[in-house]
Amino acid sequence: MKIFLIGDEITVLGYSLAGIPGAVVDDKEEAAKALKEATSDPDMGIVLVTQPVASEIQPLIDDAKLKRATPIVLEIPDRNGTIEGRESALDIVRRLIGIKV
């Protein structure tokens, strides 16, 4: 199962140091293309999208979440932290594993 990140240069670099490849996107069109390519890969298990990028292509993110069982598409905070009104990284982990850490 593959994991892939779509986000800004610094966040993608950080995740690449942990062994997670990604695509650096600078605009809405690049983000849409990267999401389409990542969700088209039959071996892809999880696609991580930083919250600022996800905000730019929210209808596509919602569509990918609702119409596909795999890959799982998750919105994550970027290097600047959580966008106000969105889940923090800790909230996401709590929700996914069902326990408080």
PDB file of N, CA and C in Angstrom:
ATOM      1  N   MET A   1       0.838  -1.167   0.000  1.00  0.00           N
ATOM      2  CA  MET A   1       0.000   0.000   0.000  1.00  0.00           C
ATOM      3  C   MET A   1       0.891   1.240   0.000  1.00  0.00           C
ATOM      4  N   LYS A   2       0.595   2.159  -0.895  1.00  0.00           N
ATOM      5  CA  LYS A   2       1.363   3.393  -1.004  1.00  0.00           C
ATOM      6  C   LYS A   2       0.676   4.522  -0.247  1.00  0.00           C
ATOM      7  N   ILE A   3       1.503   5.456   0.217  1.00  0.00           N
ATOM      8  CA  ILE A   3       1.027   6.691   0.820  1.00  0.00           C
ATOM      9  C   ILE A   3       1.643   7.830   0.010  1.00  0.00           C
ATOM     10  N   PHE A   4       0.853   8.871  -0.243  1.00  0.00           N
ATOM     11  CA  PHE A   4       1.311   9.986  -1.069  1.00  0.00           C
ATOM     12  C   PHE A   4       0.803  11.288  -0.466  1.00  0.00           C
ATOM     13  N   LEU A   5       1.616  12.332  -0.524  1.00  0.00           N
ATOM     14  CA  LEU A   5       1.251  13.633   0.024  1.00  0.00           C
ATOM     15  C   LEU A   5       1.176  14.677  -1.079  1.00  0.00           C
ATOM     16  N   ILE A   6       0.169  15.528  -1.002  1.00  0.00           N
ATOM     17  CA  ILE A   6       0.035  16.663  -1.909  1.00  0.00           C
ATOM     18  C   ILE A   6       0.046  17.912  -1.039  1.00  0.00           C
ATOM     19  N   GLY A   7       1.028  18.802  -1.304  1.00  0.00           N
ATOM     20  CA  GLY A   7       1.107  19.989  -0.464  1.00  0.00           C
ATOM     21  C   GLY A   7       2.180  20.962  -0.903  1.00  0.00           C
ATOM     22  N   ASP A   8       2.553  21.849   0.020  1.00  0.00           N
ATOM     23  CA  ASP A   8       3.575  22.849  -0.261  1.00  0.00           C
ATOM     24  C   ASP A   8       4.967  22.224  -0.177  1.00  0.00           C
ATOM     25  N   GLU A   9       5.958  22.966  -0.630  1.00  0.00           N
ATOM     26  CA  GLU A   9       7.322  22.444  -0.742  1.00  0.00           C
ATOM     27  C   GLU A   9       7.909  21.984   0.595  1.00  0.00           C
ATOM     28  N   ILE A  10       7.749  22.769   1.634  1.00  0.00           N
ATOM     29  CA  ILE A  10       8.339  22.438   2.930  1.00  0.00           C
ATOM     30  C   ILE A  10       7.668  21.204   3.541  1.00  0.00           C
ATOM     31  N   THR A  11       6.356  21.141   3.482  1.00  0.00           N
ATOM     32  CA  THR A  11       5.639  19.989   4.046  1.00  0.00           C
ATOM     33  C   THR A  11       5.982  18.717   3.291  1.00  0.00           C
ATOM     34  N   VAL A  12       6.021  18.787   1.965  1.00  0.00           N
ATOM     35  CA  VAL A  12       6.377  17.618   1.156  1.00  0.00           C
ATOM     36  C   VAL A  12       7.804  17.172   1.473  1.00  0.00           C
ATOM     37  N   LEU A  13       8.718  18.123   1.627  1.00  0.00           N
ATOM     38  CA  LEU A  13      10.100  17.787   1.976  1.00  0.00           C
ATOM     39  C   LEU A  13      10.149  17.065   3.324  1.00  0.00           C
ATOM     40  N   GLY A  14       9.436  17.572   4.307  1.00  0.00           N
ATOM     41  CA  GLY A  14       9.422  16.944   5.627  1.00  0.00           C
ATOM     42  C   GLY A  14       8.916  15.516   5.587  1.00  0.00           C
ATOM     43  N   TYR A  15       7.837  15.283   4.881  1.00  0.00           N
ATOM     44  CA  TYR A  15       7.298  13.931   4.777  1.00  0.00           C
ATOM     45  C   TYR A  15       8.220  13.025   3.967  1.00  0.00           C
ATOM     46  N   SER A  16       8.903  13.590   2.983  1.00  0.00           N
ATOM     47  CA  SER A  16       9.819  12.765   2.183  1.00  0.00           C
ATOM     48  C   SER A  16      10.971  12.252   3.038  1.00  0.00           C
ATOM     49  N   LEU A  17      11.364  13.024   4.051  1.00  0.00           N
ATOM     50  CA  LEU A  17      12.403  12.570   4.969  1.00  0.00           C
ATOM     51  C   LEU A  17      11.947  11.361   5.788  1.00  0.00           C
ATOM     52  N   ALA A  18      10.633  11.214   5.928  1.00  0.00           N
ATOM     53  CA  ALA A  18      10.067  10.059   6.624  1.00  0.00           C
ATOM     54  C   ALA A  18       9.725   8.929   5.647  1.00  0.00           C
ATOM     55  N   GLY A  19      10.066   9.122   4.366  1.00  0.00           N
ATOM     56  CA  GLY A  19       9.839   8.074   3.375  1.00  0.00           C
ATOM     57  C   GLY A  19       8.519   8.149   2.637  1.00  0.00           C
ATOM     58  N   ILE A  20       7.794   9.235   2.800  1.00  0.00           N
ATOM     59  CA  ILE A  20       6.508   9.393   2.115  1.00  0.00           C
ATOM     60  C   ILE A  20       6.704  10.336   0.937  1.00  0.00           C
ATOM     61  N   PRO A  21       6.535   9.838  -0.280  1.00  0.00           N
ATOM     62  CA  PRO A  21       6.703  10.706  -1.452  1.00  0.00           C
ATOM     63  C   PRO A  21       5.537  11.676  -1.576  1.00  0.00           C
ATOM     64  N   GLY A  22       5.745  12.713  -2.388  1.00  0.00           N
ATOM     65  CA  GLY A  22       4.677  13.677  -2.551  1.00  0.00           C
ATOM     66  C   GLY A  22       4.845  14.537  -3.778  1.00  0.00           C
ATOM     67  N   ALA A  23       3.850  15.374  -3.982  1.00  0.00           N
ATOM     68  CA  ALA A  23       3.853  16.320  -5.094  1.00  0.00           C
ATOM     69  C   ALA A  23       3.750  17.719  -4.526  1.00  0.00           C
ATOM     70  N   VAL A  24       4.677  18.576  -4.947  1.00  0.00           N
ATOM     71  CA  VAL A  24       4.630  19.990  -4.563  1.00  0.00           C
ATOM     72  C   VAL A  24       3.707  20.687  -5.553  1.00  0.00           C
ATOM     73  N   VAL A  25       2.692  21.363  -5.032  1.00  0.00           N
ATOM     74  CA  VAL A  25       1.751  22.068  -5.903  1.00  0.00           C
ATOM     75  C   VAL A  25       1.720  23.537  -5.518  1.00  0.00           C
ATOM     76  N   ASP A  26       1.602  24.381  -6.534  1.00  0.00           N
ATOM     77  CA  ASP A  26       1.606  25.821  -6.314  1.00  0.00           C
ATOM     78  C   ASP A  26       0.284  26.487  -6.666  1.00  0.00           C
ATOM     79  N   ASP A  27      -0.594  25.754  -7.334  1.00  0.00           N
ATOM     80  CA  ASP A  27      -1.876  26.348  -7.683  1.00  0.00           C
ATOM     81  C   ASP A  27      -2.955  25.273  -7.773  1.00  0.00           C
ATOM     82  N   LYS A  28      -4.167  25.731  -8.005  1.00  0.00           N
ATOM     83  CA  LYS A  28      -5.345  24.868  -8.032  1.00  0.00           C
ATOM     84  C   LYS A  28      -5.250  23.789  -9.122  1.00  0.00           C
ATOM     85  N   GLU A  29      -4.738  24.161 -10.282  1.00  0.00           N
ATOM     86  CA  GLU A  29      -4.655  23.212 -11.396  1.00  0.00           C
ATOM     87  C   GLU A  29      -3.659  22.091 -11.094  1.00  0.00           C
ATOM     88  N   GLU A  30      -2.497  22.451 -10.540  1.00  0.00           N
ATOM     89  CA  GLU A  30      -1.506  21.435 -10.179  1.00  0.00           C
ATOM     90  C   GLU A  30      -2.054  20.507  -9.095  1.00  0.00           C
ATOM     91  N   ALA A  31      -2.784  21.073  -8.141  1.00  0.00           N
ATOM     92  CA  ALA A  31      -3.362  20.273  -7.067  1.00  0.00           C
ATOM     93  C   ALA A  31      -4.395  19.284  -7.610  1.00  0.00           C
ATOM     94  N   ALA A  32      -5.242  19.757  -8.509  1.00  0.00           N
ATOM     95  CA  ALA A  32      -6.261  18.887  -9.103  1.00  0.00           C
ATOM     96  C   ALA A  32      -5.614  17.755  -9.896  1.00  0.00           C
ATOM     97  N   LYS A  33      -4.569  18.084 -10.646  1.00  0.00           N
ATOM     98  CA  LYS A  33      -3.869  17.067 -11.436  1.00  0.00           C
ATOM     99  C   LYS A  33      -3.202  16.040 -10.524  1.00  0.00           C
ATOM    100  N   ALA A  34      -2.541  16.495  -9.463  1.00  0.00           N
ATOM    101  CA  ALA A  34      -1.870  15.579  -8.542  1.00  0.00           C
ATOM    102  C   ALA A  34      -2.874  14.664  -7.851  1.00  0.00           C
ATOM    103  N   LEU A  35      -4.021  15.212  -7.451  1.00  0.00           N
ATOM    104  CA  LEU A  35      -5.058  14.387  -6.803  1.00  0.00           C
ATOM    105  C   LEU A  35      -5.596  13.339  -7.766  1.00  0.00           C
ATOM    106  N   LYS A  36      -5.842  13.739  -9.006  1.00  0.00           N
ATOM    107  CA  LYS A  36      -6.355  12.797 -10.002  1.00  0.00           C
ATOM    108  C   LYS A  36      -5.364  11.660 -10.240  1.00  0.00           C
ATOM    109  N   GLU A  37      -4.092  11.994 -10.382  1.00  0.00           N
ATOM    110  CA  GLU A  37      -3.072  10.967 -10.610  1.00  0.00           C
ATOM    111  C   GLU A  37      -2.938  10.038  -9.401  1.00  0.00           C
ATOM    112  N   ALA A  38      -2.943  10.612  -8.201  1.00  0.00           N
ATOM    113  CA  ALA A  38      -2.786   9.795  -6.998  1.00  0.00           C
ATOM    114  C   ALA A  38      -3.976   8.855  -6.789  1.00  0.00           C
ATOM    115  N   THR A  39      -5.175   9.357  -7.012  1.00  0.00           N
ATOM    116  CA  THR A  39      -6.355   8.508  -6.792  1.00  0.00           C
ATOM    117  C   THR A  39      -6.568   7.511  -7.925  1.00  0.00           C
ATOM    118  N   SER A  40      -5.878   7.694  -9.043  1.00  0.00           N
ATOM    119  CA  SER A  40      -5.994   6.750 -10.158  1.00  0.00           C
ATOM    120  C   SER A  40      -5.061   5.547 -10.010  1.00  0.00           C
ATOM    121  N   ASP A  41      -4.084   5.644  -9.119  1.00  0.00           N
ATOM    122  CA  ASP A  41      -3.117   4.567  -8.911  1.00  0.00           C
ATOM    123  C   ASP A  41      -3.773   3.444  -8.112  1.00  0.00           C
ATOM    124  N   PRO A  42      -3.891   2.244  -8.686  1.00  0.00           N
ATOM    125  CA  PRO A  42      -4.564   1.143  -7.993  1.00  0.00           C
ATOM    126  C   PRO A  42      -3.823   0.656  -6.743  1.00  0.00           C
ATOM    127  N   ASP A  43      -2.534   0.974  -6.621  1.00  0.00           N
ATOM    128  CA  ASP A  43      -1.758   0.560  -5.456  1.00  0.00           C
ATOM    129  C   ASP A  43      -1.778   1.600  -4.331  1.00  0.00           C
ATOM    130  N   MET A  44      -2.399   2.739  -4.591  1.00  0.00           N
ATOM    131  CA  MET A  44      -2.417   3.820  -3.604  1.00  0.00           C
ATOM    132  C   MET A  44      -3.397   3.480  -2.488  1.00  0.00           C
ATOM    133  N   GLY A  45      -2.924   3.625  -1.239  1.00  0.00           N
ATOM    134  CA  GLY A  45      -3.781   3.346  -0.095  1.00  0.00           C
ATOM    135  C   GLY A  45      -4.272   4.594   0.602  1.00  0.00           C
ATOM    136  N   ILE A  46      -3.375   5.582   0.730  1.00  0.00           N
ATOM    137  CA  ILE A  46      -3.718   6.822   1.430  1.00  0.00           C
ATOM    138  C   ILE A  46      -3.147   8.009   0.665  1.00  0.00           C
ATOM    139  N   VAL A  47      -3.974   9.012   0.464  1.00  0.00           N
ATOM    140  CA  VAL A  47      -3.528  10.274  -0.128  1.00  0.00           C
ATOM    141  C   VAL A  47      -3.732  11.344   0.933  1.00  0.00           C
ATOM    142  N   LEU A  48      -2.630  11.971   1.338  1.00  0.00           N
ATOM    143  CA  LEU A  48      -2.663  13.060   2.294  1.00  0.00           C
ATOM    144  C   LEU A  48      -2.642  14.370   1.531  1.00  0.00           C
ATOM    145  N   VAL A  49      -3.504  15.287   1.909  1.00  0.00           N
ATOM    146  CA  VAL A  49      -3.552  16.602   1.257  1.00  0.00           C
ATOM    147  C   VAL A  49      -3.519  17.655   2.358  1.00  0.00           C
ATOM    148  N   THR A  50      -2.599  18.598   2.257  1.00  0.00           N
ATOM    149  CA  THR A  50      -2.546  19.640   3.283  1.00  0.00           C
ATOM    150  C   THR A  50      -3.817  20.485   3.228  1.00  0.00           C
ATOM    151  N   GLN A  51      -4.235  20.986   4.379  1.00  0.00           N
ATOM    152  CA  GLN A  51      -5.487  21.732   4.460  1.00  0.00           C
ATOM    153  C   GLN A  51      -5.549  22.946   3.531  1.00  0.00           C
ATOM    154  N   PRO A  52      -4.467  23.741   3.414  1.00  0.00           N
ATOM    155  CA  PRO A  52      -4.554  24.869   2.477  1.00  0.00           C
ATOM    156  C   PRO A  52      -4.769  24.432   1.024  1.00  0.00           C
ATOM    157  N   VAL A  53      -4.123  23.349   0.624  1.00  0.00           N
ATOM    158  CA  VAL A  53      -4.307  22.836  -0.740  1.00  0.00           C
ATOM    159  C   VAL A  53      -5.716  22.275  -0.888  1.00  0.00           C
ATOM    160  N   ALA A  54      -6.163  21.535   0.117  1.00  0.00           N
ATOM    161  CA  ALA A  54      -7.509  20.952   0.063  1.00  0.00           C
ATOM    162  C   ALA A  54      -8.579  22.034  -0.053  1.00  0.00           C
ATOM    163  N   SER A  55      -8.360  23.163   0.605  1.00  0.00           N
ATOM    164  CA  SER A  55      -9.315  24.268   0.528  1.00  0.00           C
ATOM    165  C   SER A  55      -9.466  24.791  -0.893  1.00  0.00           C
ATOM    166  N   GLU A  56      -8.387  24.726  -1.661  1.00  0.00           N
ATOM    167  CA  GLU A  56      -8.409  25.198  -3.044  1.00  0.00           C
ATOM    168  C   GLU A  56      -9.207  24.270  -3.963  1.00  0.00           C
ATOM    169  N   ILE A  57      -9.237  22.985  -3.630  1.00  0.00           N
ATOM    170  CA  ILE A  57      -9.907  22.001  -4.499  1.00  0.00           C
ATOM    171  C   ILE A  57     -10.930  21.186  -3.703  1.00  0.00           C
ATOM    172  N   GLN A  58     -11.620  21.833  -2.764  1.00  0.00           N
ATOM    173  CA  GLN A  58     -12.521  21.133  -1.853  1.00  0.00           C
ATOM    174  C   GLN A  58     -13.565  20.266  -2.555  1.00  0.00           C
ATOM    175  N   PRO A  59     -14.202  20.727  -3.647  1.00  0.00           N
ATOM    176  CA  PRO A  59     -15.176  19.850  -4.311  1.00  0.00           C
ATOM    177  C   PRO A  59     -14.543  18.543  -4.810  1.00  0.00           C
ATOM    178  N   LEU A  60     -13.312  18.613  -5.315  1.00  0.00           N
ATOM    179  CA  LEU A  60     -12.629  17.402  -5.784  1.00  0.00           C
ATOM    180  C   LEU A  60     -12.266  16.487  -4.612  1.00  0.00           C
ATOM    181  N   ILE A  61     -11.847  17.072  -3.493  1.00  0.00           N
ATOM    182  CA  ILE A  61     -11.527  16.301  -2.296  1.00  0.00           C
ATOM    183  C   ILE A  61     -12.776  15.590  -1.795  1.00  0.00           C
ATOM    184  N   ASP A  62     -13.872  16.319  -1.687  1.00  0.00           N
ATOM    185  CA  ASP A  62     -15.126  15.727  -1.217  1.00  0.00           C
ATOM    186  C   ASP A  62     -15.582  14.608  -2.128  1.00  0.00           C
ATOM    187  N   ASP A  63     -15.459  14.818  -3.425  1.00  0.00           N
ATOM    188  CA  ASP A  63     -15.839  13.797  -4.401  1.00  0.00           C
ATOM    189  C   ASP A  63     -14.989  12.535  -4.235  1.00  0.00           C
ATOM    190  N   ALA A  64     -13.685  12.711  -4.058  1.00  0.00           N
ATOM    191  CA  ALA A  64     -12.789  11.561  -3.882  1.00  0.00           C
ATOM    192  C   ALA A  64     -13.113  10.807  -2.601  1.00  0.00           C
ATOM    193  N   LYS A  65     -13.492  11.521  -1.550  1.00  0.00           N
ATOM    194  CA  LYS A  65     -13.836  10.879  -0.279  1.00  0.00           C
ATOM    195  C   LYS A  65     -15.137  10.087  -0.378  1.00  0.00           C
ATOM    196  N   LEU A  66     -16.100  10.635  -1.098  1.00  0.00           N
ATOM    197  CA  LEU A  66     -17.420  10.024  -1.147  1.00  0.00           C
ATOM    198  C   LEU A  66     -17.560   8.901  -2.165  1.00  0.00           C
ATOM    199  N   LYS A  67     -16.847   8.980  -3.269  1.00  0.00           N
ATOM    200  CA  LYS A  67     -17.057   8.034  -4.358  1.00  0.00           C
ATOM    201  C   LYS A  67     -16.075   6.886  -4.389  1.00  0.00           C
ATOM    202  N   ARG A  68     -15.070   6.904  -3.517  1.00  0.00           N
ATOM    203  CA  ARG A  68     -14.043   5.868  -3.561  1.00  0.00           C
ATOM    204  C   ARG A  68     -13.844   5.240  -2.190  1.00  0.00           C
ATOM    205  N   ALA A  69     -13.666   3.930  -2.186  1.00  0.00           N
ATOM    206  CA  ALA A  69     -13.303   3.249  -0.947  1.00  0.00           C
ATOM    207  C   ALA A  69     -11.799   3.372  -0.734  1.00  0.00           C
ATOM    208  N   THR A  70     -11.054   3.275  -1.829  1.00  0.00           N
ATOM    209  CA  THR A  70      -9.608   3.463  -1.769  1.00  0.00           C
ATOM    210  C   THR A  70      -9.194   4.315  -2.956  1.00  0.00           C
ATOM    211  N   PRO A  71      -8.194   5.108  -2.814  1.00  0.00           N
ATOM    212  CA  PRO A  71      -7.449   5.356  -1.591  1.00  0.00           C
ATOM    213  C   PRO A  71      -8.238   6.236  -0.632  1.00  0.00           C
ATOM    214  N   ILE A  72      -7.842   6.181   0.622  1.00  0.00           N
ATOM    215  CA  ILE A  72      -8.414   7.068   1.620  1.00  0.00           C
ATOM    216  C   ILE A  72      -7.776   8.438   1.421  1.00  0.00           C
ATOM    217  N   VAL A  73      -8.575   9.470   1.363  1.00  0.00           N
ATOM    218  CA  VAL A  73      -8.076  10.839   1.193  1.00  0.00           C
ATOM    219  C   VAL A  73      -8.254  11.561   2.526  1.00  0.00           C
ATOM    220  N   LEU A  74      -7.141  12.025   3.090  1.00  0.00           N
ATOM    221  CA  LEU A  74      -7.156  12.717   4.376  1.00  0.00           C
ATOM    222  C   LEU A  74      -6.586  14.116   4.241  1.00  0.00           C
ATOM    223  N   GLU A  75      -7.248  15.070   4.860  1.00  0.00           N
ATOM    224  CA  GLU A  75      -6.739  16.435   4.924  1.00  0.00           C
ATOM    225  C   GLU A  75      -5.935  16.559   6.209  1.00  0.00           C
ATOM    226  N   ILE A  76      -4.710  17.066   6.087  1.00  0.00           N
ATOM    227  CA  ILE A  76      -3.836  17.195   7.248  1.00  0.00           C
ATOM    228  C   ILE A  76      -3.340  18.633   7.378  1.00  0.00           C
ATOM    229  N   PRO A  77      -2.990  19.056   8.591  1.00  0.00           N
ATOM    230  CA  PRO A  77      -2.392  20.386   8.746  1.00  0.00           C
ATOM    231  C   PRO A  77      -1.045  20.443   8.036  1.00  0.00           C
ATOM    232  N   ASP A  78      -0.680  21.619   7.572  1.00  0.00           N
ATOM    233  CA  ASP A  78       0.646  21.779   6.975  1.00  0.00           C
ATOM    234  C   ASP A  78       1.617  22.269   8.039  1.00  0.00           C
ATOM    235  N   ARG A  79       2.770  22.741   7.631  1.00  0.00           N
ATOM    236  CA  ARG A  79       3.810  23.158   8.575  1.00  0.00           C
ATOM    237  C   ARG A  79       3.381  24.346   9.422  1.00  0.00           C
ATOM    238  N   ASN A  80       2.379  25.087   8.984  1.00  0.00           N
ATOM    239  CA  ASN A  80       1.907  26.259   9.726  1.00  0.00           C
ATOM    240  C   ASN A  80       0.832  25.910  10.751  1.00  0.00           C
ATOM    241  N   GLY A  81       0.423  24.657  10.799  1.00  0.00           N
ATOM    242  CA  GLY A  81      -0.592  24.239  11.766  1.00  0.00           C
ATOM    243  C   GLY A  81      -1.974  24.156  11.152  1.00  0.00           C
ATOM    244  N   THR A  82      -2.918  23.947  12.016  1.00  0.00           N
ATOM    245  CA  THR A  82      -4.300  23.739  11.611  1.00  0.00           C
ATOM    246  C   THR A  82      -4.962  25.058  11.213  1.00  0.00           C
ATOM    247  N   ILE A  83      -5.743  25.014  10.164  1.00  0.00           N
ATOM    248  CA  ILE A  83      -6.551  26.162   9.769  1.00  0.00           C
ATOM    249  C   ILE A  83      -7.709  26.258  10.754  1.00  0.00           C
ATOM    250  N   GLU A  84      -8.034  27.465  11.180  1.00  0.00           N
ATOM    251  CA  GLU A  84      -9.116  27.659  12.139  1.00  0.00           C
ATOM    252  C   GLU A  84     -10.403  26.995  11.651  1.00  0.00           C
ATOM    253  N   GLY A  85     -11.033  26.261  12.550  1.00  0.00           N
ATOM    254  CA  GLY A  85     -12.266  25.563  12.212  1.00  0.00           C
ATOM    255  C   GLY A  85     -12.053  24.168  11.655  1.00  0.00           C
ATOM    256  N   ARG A  86     -10.800  23.761  11.469  1.00  0.00           N
ATOM    257  CA  ARG A  86     -10.479  22.425  10.966  1.00  0.00           C
ATOM    258  C   ARG A  86      -9.893  21.584  12.095  1.00  0.00           C
ATOM    259  N   GLU A  87      -9.880  20.283  11.890  1.00  0.00           N
ATOM    260  CA  GLU A  87      -9.318  19.371  12.880  1.00  0.00           C
ATOM    261  C   GLU A  87      -7.802  19.510  12.962  1.00  0.00           C
ATOM    262  N   SER A  88      -7.288  19.394  14.179  1.00  0.00           N
ATOM    263  CA  SER A  88      -5.839  19.363  14.363  1.00  0.00           C
ATOM    264  C   SER A  88      -5.335  17.959  14.058  1.00  0.00           C
ATOM    265  N   ALA A  89      -4.022  17.809  13.960  1.00  0.00           N
ATOM    266  CA  ALA A  89      -3.438  16.491  13.717  1.00  0.00           C
ATOM    267  C   ALA A  89      -3.822  15.528  14.833  1.00  0.00           C
ATOM    268  N   LEU A  90      -3.812  15.987  16.072  1.00  0.00           N
ATOM    269  CA  LEU A  90      -4.170  15.137  17.202  1.00  0.00           C
ATOM    270  C   LEU A  90      -5.631  14.724  17.130  1.00  0.00           C
ATOM    271  N   ASP A  91      -6.523  15.642  16.752  1.00  0.00           N
ATOM    272  CA  ASP A  91      -7.937  15.306  16.603  1.00  0.00           C
ATOM    273  C   ASP A  91      -8.139  14.248  15.522  1.00  0.00           C
ATOM    274  N   ILE A  92      -7.398  14.365  14.444  1.00  0.00           N
ATOM    275  CA  ILE A  92      -7.498  13.387  13.352  1.00  0.00           C
ATOM    276  C   ILE A  92      -7.076  12.011  13.840  1.00  0.00           C
ATOM    277  N   VAL A  93      -5.960  11.949  14.546  1.00  0.00           N
ATOM    278  CA  VAL A  93      -5.477  10.660  15.070  1.00  0.00           C
ATOM    279  C   VAL A  93      -6.496  10.076  16.044  1.00  0.00           C
ATOM    280  N   ARG A  94      -7.008  10.892  16.932  1.00  0.00           N
ATOM    281  CA  ARG A  94      -8.018  10.408  17.886  1.00  0.00           C
ATOM    282  C   ARG A  94      -9.230   9.827  17.174  1.00  0.00           C
ATOM    283  N   ARG A  95      -9.693  10.530  16.163  1.00  0.00           N
ATOM    284  CA  ARG A  95     -10.865  10.065  15.420  1.00  0.00           C
ATOM    285  C   ARG A  95     -10.567   8.766  14.674  1.00  0.00           C
ATOM    286  N   LEU A  96      -9.388   8.661  14.083  1.00  0.00           N
ATOM    287  CA  LEU A  96      -9.055   7.492  13.284  1.00  0.00           C
ATOM    288  C   LEU A  96      -8.836   6.236  14.118  1.00  0.00           C
ATOM    289  N   ILE A  97      -8.163   6.383  15.265  1.00  0.00           N
ATOM    290  CA  ILE A  97      -7.887   5.172  16.048  1.00  0.00           C
ATOM    291  C   ILE A  97      -8.882   4.950  17.168  1.00  0.00           C
ATOM    292  N   GLY A  98      -9.684   5.961  17.455  1.00  0.00           N
ATOM    293  CA  GLY A  98     -10.753   5.779  18.410  1.00  0.00           C
ATOM    294  C   GLY A  98     -10.337   5.856  19.875  1.00  0.00           C
ATOM    295  N   ILE A  99      -9.132   6.304  20.157  1.00  0.00           N
ATOM    296  CA  ILE A  99      -8.697   6.452  21.542  1.00  0.00           C
ATOM    297  C   ILE A  99      -7.992   7.786  21.707  1.00  0.00           C
ATOM    298  N   LYS A 100      -7.953   8.250  22.946  1.00  0.00           N
ATOM    299  CA  LYS A 100      -7.229   9.478  23.230  1.00  0.00           C
ATOM    300  C   LYS A 100      -5.794   9.163  23.550  1.00  0.00           C
ATOM    301  N   VAL A 101      -4.890   9.970  22.977  1.00  0.00           N
ATOM    302  CA  VAL A 101      -3.470   9.791  23.240  1.00  0.00           C
ATOM    303  C   VAL A 101      -2.936  10.926  24.064  1.00  0.00           C
TER     304      VAL A 101
END
